Amino acid sequence: MAGEGEGYQFYRDNATKILEYAWQLKKNGRAEATIETVSKRLQLIAKKCNLNEPEEVKAFLATVKWMNSTKFSATIDYNGYIKFIGKTWEKPTYKPDERIPFIPTEQEIDQLITASGTKSAALLQLLKETGARIGEATMLKWIDIDLERKTINITPEKHSNPRILPMTEKLKAMLGRLTRENDKVFTTSKHGLRITFENMRARTALKMSNPRLTKITFHTFRHWKGTMEYHKTKDIIHVKTVLGHKDIESTMTYINIESALFLTTSDEWTCKATRDPVETMKLIEAGFEYIATTPDGLMLFRKRK
């Protein structure tokens, strides 16, 4: 690893290259949220080692106390960067950690909303009702909000689907109280909103003597929404539409989360079996859970009565 002074020079040089790489990603049509995430992760690595030296980067990843999921993402990001500067490396193998997302209670979510200021509370209520990503929420313009029809037109990020979702009277009133500074609903940057949220969250967790509140992030609201929508409807296609997923595989996780959170005392099941892809989709849409495939290709499904 480089010394302190030398490391700072490396960081400055690398910072310029990161900006050039970010511009290349933008020209290649990558989403703004993706570019921001990749740039920040590369900047973190550049503070500790020279990005132009793959072996230094590998040594850093081997010793840094990051989750394997973060290291996995870092190798993907760095792989693109190293190609951009015309070098190669032997990419280390990190398997993403398989974890079920933390799902708070509605009361815990509402405690954070209540503890927030007017603008932050409106943002959190919007995340709760729509399951939008924070990037999608900060892109919202007033023209996307129809207070008369009580709908929100969400422009997607990360190659998701656009969607128009309903809002409650509560959210309508909260948005109606906001000052229209310009064409955007939320004018503060994502970073600024996150800092404000994290400070409020820490105060509220201390006041309520509930450390669980500190585990709630902006993205937790999305996981909560997906889980609750599946619990209410048992319609995975509906959840896919609400969250804007292009791939139903991304939505299927909410079946397992819902099953774990809302255990039922009933052990009675309706069971189905099929080899037909069309029938398979119909069973999934009806809320059936995939169990296994027999050696002869018969797919087995079940749903609690």
Protein backbone atom coordinates (compact mmCIF):
# COMPACT_ATOMS: atom_id res chain seq x y z
CA MET A 1 0.00 0.00 0.00
CA ALA A 2 1.14 3.56 -0.68
CA GLY A 3 2.33 5.95 2.02
CA GLU A 4 0.10 8.79 3.20
CA GLY A 5 1.47 11.52 0.90
CA GLU A 6 1.88 9.23 -2.07
CA GLY A 7 -1.57 7.79 -1.43
CA TYR A 8 -3.12 11.26 -1.54
CA GLN A 9 -1.52 11.90 -4.93
CA PHE A 10 -2.83 8.56 -6.18
CA TYR A 11 -6.28 9.53 -4.91
CA ARG A 12 -6.21 12.84 -6.78
CA ASP A 13 -5.06 11.17 -9.98
CA ASN A 14 -7.60 8.39 -9.60
CA ALA A 15 -10.38 10.91 -8.91
CA THR A 16 -9.79 12.42 -12.34
CA LYS A 17 -9.93 9.01 -13.97
CA ILE A 18 -13.12 8.16 -12.07
CA LEU A 19 -14.75 11.30 -13.47
CA GLU A 20 -13.66 10.31 -16.97
CA TYR A 21 -15.03 6.80 -16.43
CA ALA A 22 -18.32 8.22 -15.12
CA TRP A 23 -18.61 10.32 -18.26
CA GLN A 24 -17.98 7.21 -20.36
CA LEU A 25 -20.75 5.37 -18.49
CA LYS A 26 -23.09 8.30 -19.13
CA LYS A 27 -22.27 8.28 -22.85
CA ASN A 28 -23.02 4.56 -22.87
CA GLY A 29 -26.50 5.23 -21.52
CA ARG A 30 -26.05 4.01 -17.96
CA ALA A 31 -28.59 5.28 -15.42
CA GLU A 32 -27.60 8.25 -13.26
CA ALA A 33 -28.18 6.22 -10.10
CA THR A 34 -25.83 3.50 -11.37
CA ILE A 35 -23.13 6.03 -12.28
CA GLU A 36 -23.38 7.63 -8.85
CA THR A 37 -23.12 4.28 -7.05
CA VAL A 38 -20.17 3.09 -9.15
CA SER A 39 -18.31 6.38 -8.73
CA LYS A 40 -18.76 6.46 -4.95
CA ARG A 41 -17.56 2.88 -4.57
CA LEU A 42 -14.48 3.53 -6.70
CA GLN A 43 -13.77 6.68 -4.69
CA LEU A 44 -13.86 4.67 -1.46
CA ILE A 45 -11.33 2.21 -2.87
CA ALA A 46 -9.15 5.05 -4.22
CA LYS A 47 -8.80 6.51 -0.72
CA LYS A 48 -6.98 3.36 0.37
CA CYS A 49 -5.01 2.25 -2.67
CA ASN A 50 -4.01 3.10 -6.23
CA LEU A 51 -6.81 2.16 -8.62
CA ASN A 52 -4.25 1.73 -11.40
CA GLU A 53 -2.67 -1.20 -9.53
CA PRO A 54 -5.04 -4.22 -9.57
CA GLU A 55 -3.01 -6.16 -6.99
CA GLU A 56 -3.36 -3.28 -4.53
CA VAL A 57 -7.10 -3.26 -5.10
CA LYS A 58 -7.28 -7.03 -4.58
CA ALA A 59 -5.31 -6.71 -1.34
CA PHE A 60 -7.65 -3.98 -0.15
CA LEU A 61 -10.76 -6.04 -0.91
CA ALA A 62 -9.24 -9.05 0.85
CA THR A 63 -8.74 -7.13 4.10
CA VAL A 64 -11.51 -4.52 4.23
CA LYS A 65 -14.41 -5.30 6.54
CA TRP A 66 -17.14 -5.18 3.91
CA MET A 67 -19.92 -7.67 3.39
CA ASN A 68 -19.32 -10.13 0.56
CA SER A 69 -22.22 -8.54 -1.31
CA THR A 70 -20.41 -5.20 -1.25
CA LYS A 71 -17.13 -6.81 -2.31
CA PHE A 72 -18.94 -8.61 -5.13
CA SER A 73 -20.36 -5.31 -6.38
CA ALA A 74 -16.95 -3.64 -6.01
CA THR A 75 -15.30 -6.25 -8.25
CA ILE A 76 -17.97 -5.64 -10.91
CA ASP A 77 -17.43 -1.87 -10.72
CA TYR A 78 -13.64 -2.16 -10.76
CA ASN A 79 -13.74 -4.65 -13.63
CA GLY A 80 -15.38 -2.00 -15.81
CA TYR A 81 -12.93 0.65 -14.64
CA ILE A 82 -9.82 -1.46 -15.27
CA LYS A 83 -10.98 -2.16 -18.82
CA PHE A 84 -11.59 1.57 -19.29
CA ILE A 85 -7.95 2.40 -18.44
CA GLY A 86 -6.69 -0.38 -20.71
CA LYS A 87 -5.52 -2.89 -18.12
CA THR A 88 -6.52 -6.40 -17.09
CA TRP A 89 -6.71 -8.25 -13.79
CA GLU A 90 -7.67 -11.60 -12.36
CA LYS A 91 -10.98 -10.78 -10.75
CA PRO A 92 -11.38 -12.27 -7.25
CA THR A 93 -14.48 -14.31 -6.53
CA TYR A 94 -16.92 -13.10 -3.89
CA LYS A 95 -20.37 -14.61 -3.56
CA PRO A 96 -23.13 -12.17 -2.54
CA ASP A 97 -24.51 -12.73 0.95
CA GLU A 98 -28.01 -14.16 0.80
CA ARG A 99 -30.00 -12.27 3.41
CA ILE A 100 -33.69 -11.65 3.87
CA PRO A 101 -34.24 -7.87 4.00
CA PHE A 102 -35.19 -6.32 7.33
CA ILE A 103 -38.92 -5.57 7.40
CA PRO A 104 -40.04 -3.18 10.16
CA THR A 105 -43.56 -2.94 11.51
CA GLU A 106 -45.88 -0.27 10.14
CA GLN A 107 -45.83 1.36 13.56
CA GLU A 108 -42.04 1.72 13.36
CA ILE A 109 -42.25 3.27 9.90
CA ASP A 110 -44.96 5.68 11.07
CA GLN A 111 -42.84 6.67 14.08
CA LEU A 112 -40.11 7.88 11.73
CA ILE A 113 -42.61 9.73 9.55
CA THR A 114 -44.13 11.45 12.59
CA ALA A 115 -40.69 12.45 13.88
CA SER A 116 -39.71 14.09 10.57
CA GLY A 117 -40.08 17.65 9.39
CA THR A 118 -42.73 18.61 6.83
CA LYS A 119 -40.68 17.87 3.70
CA SER A 120 -38.99 14.73 5.03
CA ALA A 121 -42.29 13.37 6.32
CA ALA A 122 -43.88 13.80 2.88
CA LEU A 123 -40.93 11.99 1.30
CA LEU A 124 -41.15 9.06 3.72
CA GLN A 125 -44.93 8.80 3.34
CA LEU A 126 -44.46 8.72 -0.44
CA LEU A 127 -41.88 5.95 -0.14
CA LYS A 128 -44.23 4.02 2.14
CA GLU A 129 -47.23 4.28 -0.18
CA THR A 130 -45.48 3.72 -3.51
CA GLY A 131 -42.40 1.60 -2.77
CA ALA A 132 -40.44 3.94 -5.05
CA ARG A 133 -36.65 4.00 -4.98
CA ILE A 134 -35.18 7.12 -3.43
CA GLY A 135 -33.75 8.06 -6.84
CA GLU A 136 -37.21 7.83 -8.39
CA ALA A 137 -38.66 9.96 -5.58
CA THR A 138 -36.04 12.68 -5.98
CA MET A 139 -36.68 12.81 -9.74
CA LEU A 140 -40.37 13.57 -9.21
CA LYS A 141 -41.63 16.83 -10.63
CA TRP A 142 -44.84 18.61 -9.70
CA ILE A 143 -46.19 17.78 -13.14
CA ASP A 144 -45.95 14.09 -12.10
CA ILE A 145 -48.27 14.69 -9.13
CA ASP A 146 -52.02 14.76 -9.83
CA LEU A 147 -53.59 15.91 -6.57
CA GLU A 148 -57.09 15.93 -8.08
CA ARG A 149 -56.96 12.29 -9.20
CA LYS A 150 -54.61 11.38 -6.34
CA THR A 151 -52.03 9.68 -8.55
CA ILE A 152 -48.23 9.77 -8.86
CA ASN A 153 -46.46 9.17 -12.17
CA ILE A 154 -43.11 7.54 -11.39
CA THR A 155 -40.27 7.75 -13.89
CA PRO A 156 -38.14 4.63 -13.40
CA GLU A 157 -34.45 4.26 -12.73
CA LYS A 158 -32.23 1.17 -13.03
CA HIS A 159 -34.14 0.04 -16.12
CA SER A 160 -37.39 -0.55 -14.22
CA ASN A 161 -40.88 0.03 -15.61
CA PRO A 162 -42.71 3.35 -15.33
CA ARG A 163 -45.91 3.27 -13.32
CA ILE A 164 -48.80 5.43 -12.15
CA LEU A 165 -49.73 4.71 -8.54
CA PRO A 166 -52.47 5.98 -6.23
CA MET A 167 -51.94 8.12 -3.17
CA THR A 168 -53.98 8.41 0.01
CA GLU A 169 -55.68 11.54 1.28
CA LYS A 170 -52.93 11.71 3.92
CA LEU A 171 -50.15 11.88 1.33
CA LYS A 172 -52.16 14.30 -0.80
CA ALA A 173 -52.44 16.67 2.18
CA MET A 174 -48.72 16.32 3.02
CA LEU A 175 -47.66 17.10 -0.55
CA GLY A 176 -50.12 19.96 -0.68
CA ARG A 177 -48.37 21.62 2.25
CA LEU A 178 -44.98 21.67 0.51
CA THR A 179 -43.58 24.90 -0.92
CA ARG A 180 -43.10 24.73 -4.68
CA GLU A 181 -39.57 26.08 -5.00
CA ASN A 182 -39.16 24.94 -8.62
CA ASP A 183 -40.43 22.16 -10.89
CA LYS A 184 -39.08 19.40 -8.59
CA VAL A 185 -41.04 18.12 -5.59
CA PHE A 186 -37.94 17.40 -3.49
CA THR A 187 -35.16 19.88 -4.22
CA THR A 188 -32.56 18.58 -1.75
CA SER A 189 -29.97 16.11 -3.07
CA LYS A 190 -30.21 12.42 -2.23
CA HIS A 191 -27.13 12.78 -0.05
CA GLY A 192 -28.66 15.69 1.84
CA LEU A 193 -31.95 13.87 2.31
CA ARG A 194 -30.12 10.79 3.57
CA ILE A 195 -28.07 12.76 6.12
CA THR A 196 -31.22 14.45 7.44
CA PHE A 197 -33.00 11.09 7.62
CA GLU A 198 -30.16 9.30 9.41
CA ASN A 199 -29.85 12.04 12.03
CA MET A 200 -33.60 11.99 12.70
CA ARG A 201 -33.58 8.17 12.78
CA ALA A 202 -30.83 8.09 15.41
CA ARG A 203 -32.67 10.61 17.62
CA THR A 204 -35.95 8.75 17.30
CA ALA A 205 -34.40 5.34 18.02
CA LEU A 206 -32.88 6.77 21.21
CA LYS A 207 -36.09 8.50 22.24
CA MET A 208 -38.22 5.40 21.60
CA SER A 209 -35.58 3.03 23.06
CA ASN A 210 -35.92 0.99 19.87
CA PRO A 211 -32.61 0.18 18.12
CA ARG A 212 -34.56 -1.57 15.33
CA LEU A 213 -35.32 1.88 13.94
CA THR A 214 -31.64 2.34 13.06
CA LYS A 215 -31.93 -0.56 10.57
CA ILE A 216 -34.53 1.30 8.49
CA THR A 217 -33.16 2.88 5.31
CA PHE A 218 -34.89 4.54 2.38
CA HIS A 219 -34.81 1.19 0.55
CA THR A 220 -36.43 -0.53 3.54
CA PHE A 221 -39.65 1.29 2.66
CA ARG A 222 -39.58 -0.45 -0.74
CA HIS A 223 -39.08 -3.87 0.84
CA TRP A 224 -41.90 -3.13 3.30
CA LYS A 225 -44.25 -2.08 0.49
CA GLY A 226 -43.53 -5.19 -1.58
CA THR A 227 -44.08 -7.47 1.39
CA MET A 228 -47.31 -5.79 2.49
CA GLU A 229 -48.75 -5.71 -1.02
CA TYR A 230 -48.15 -9.42 -1.45
CA HIS A 231 -49.63 -10.11 1.99
CA LYS A 232 -52.79 -8.19 1.08
CA THR A 233 -53.28 -9.52 -2.44
CA LYS A 234 -51.29 -12.77 -2.76
CA ASP A 235 -50.81 -11.50 -6.33
CA ILE A 236 -47.13 -11.49 -7.28
CA ILE A 237 -47.86 -9.88 -10.66
CA HIS A 238 -49.55 -6.98 -8.85
CA VAL A 239 -46.45 -6.56 -6.65
CA LYS A 240 -44.23 -6.66 -9.75
CA THR A 241 -46.31 -3.85 -11.31
CA VAL A 242 -46.27 -1.69 -8.17
CA LEU A 243 -42.50 -1.96 -7.75
CA GLY A 244 -41.79 -1.60 -11.48
CA HIS A 245 -39.73 -4.77 -11.78
CA LYS A 246 -38.99 -5.92 -15.32
CA ASP A 247 -38.05 -9.43 -14.17
CA ILE A 248 -40.47 -11.35 -11.95
CA GLU A 249 -37.50 -13.11 -10.35
CA SER A 250 -36.77 -9.84 -8.55
CA THR A 251 -40.30 -9.87 -7.14
CA MET A 252 -40.46 -13.50 -6.06
CA THR A 253 -38.43 -12.81 -2.91
CA TYR A 254 -41.47 -11.14 -1.36
CA ILE A 255 -43.31 -14.46 -1.31
CA ASN A 256 -40.69 -15.89 1.04
CA ILE A 257 -40.53 -12.74 3.16
CA GLU A 258 -44.29 -12.62 3.54
CA SER A 259 -44.45 -16.31 4.44
CA ALA A 260 -41.82 -15.84 7.15
CA LEU A 261 -43.43 -12.71 8.65
CA PHE A 262 -47.05 -13.84 8.57
CA LEU A 263 -46.94 -17.40 9.77
CA THR A 264 -50.34 -19.05 9.87
CA THR A 265 -51.53 -21.84 12.11
CA SER A 266 -53.24 -23.55 9.20
CA ASP A 267 -51.41 -26.53 7.76
CA GLU A 268 -53.95 -27.09 4.99
CA TRP A 269 -52.71 -26.56 1.45
CA THR A 270 -54.08 -26.52 -2.07
CA CYS A 271 -51.54 -28.32 -4.26
CA LYS A 272 -51.09 -28.11 -8.03
CA ALA A 273 -48.72 -29.71 -10.53
CA THR A 274 -47.95 -28.74 -14.12
CA ARG A 275 -45.43 -28.96 -16.95
CA ASP A 276 -47.02 -26.15 -18.95
CA PRO A 277 -45.27 -22.70 -18.79
CA VAL A 278 -48.57 -20.87 -19.32
CA GLU A 279 -50.21 -22.78 -16.49
CA THR A 280 -47.14 -22.11 -14.36
CA MET A 281 -47.58 -18.35 -14.79
CA LYS A 282 -51.27 -18.62 -13.91
CA LEU A 283 -50.45 -20.47 -10.70
CA ILE A 284 -47.86 -17.85 -9.72
CA GLU A 285 -50.34 -15.05 -10.47
CA ALA A 286 -52.86 -16.83 -8.22
CA GLY A 287 -50.38 -16.82 -5.35
CA PHE A 288 -49.14 -20.40 -5.54
CA GLU A 289 -45.65 -21.06 -4.17
CA TYR A 290 -43.20 -23.12 -6.22
CA ILE A 291 -41.94 -26.14 -4.23
CA ALA A 292 -39.87 -28.39 -6.48
CA THR A 293 -39.56 -30.10 -9.85
CA THR A 294 -39.80 -33.88 -10.04
CA PRO A 295 -37.24 -35.92 -12.04
CA ASP A 296 -39.71 -36.19 -14.92
CA GLY A 297 -40.13 -32.38 -15.14
CA LEU A 298 -43.39 -31.95 -13.22
CA MET A 299 -43.39 -28.64 -11.31
CA LEU A 300 -45.11 -28.69 -7.92
CA PHE A 301 -46.87 -25.70 -6.35
CA ARG A 302 -48.87 -25.06 -3.17
CA LYS A 303 -50.93 -22.34 -1.50
CA ARG A 304 -52.40 -22.20 1.97
CA LYS A 305 -56.15 -22.55 2.12
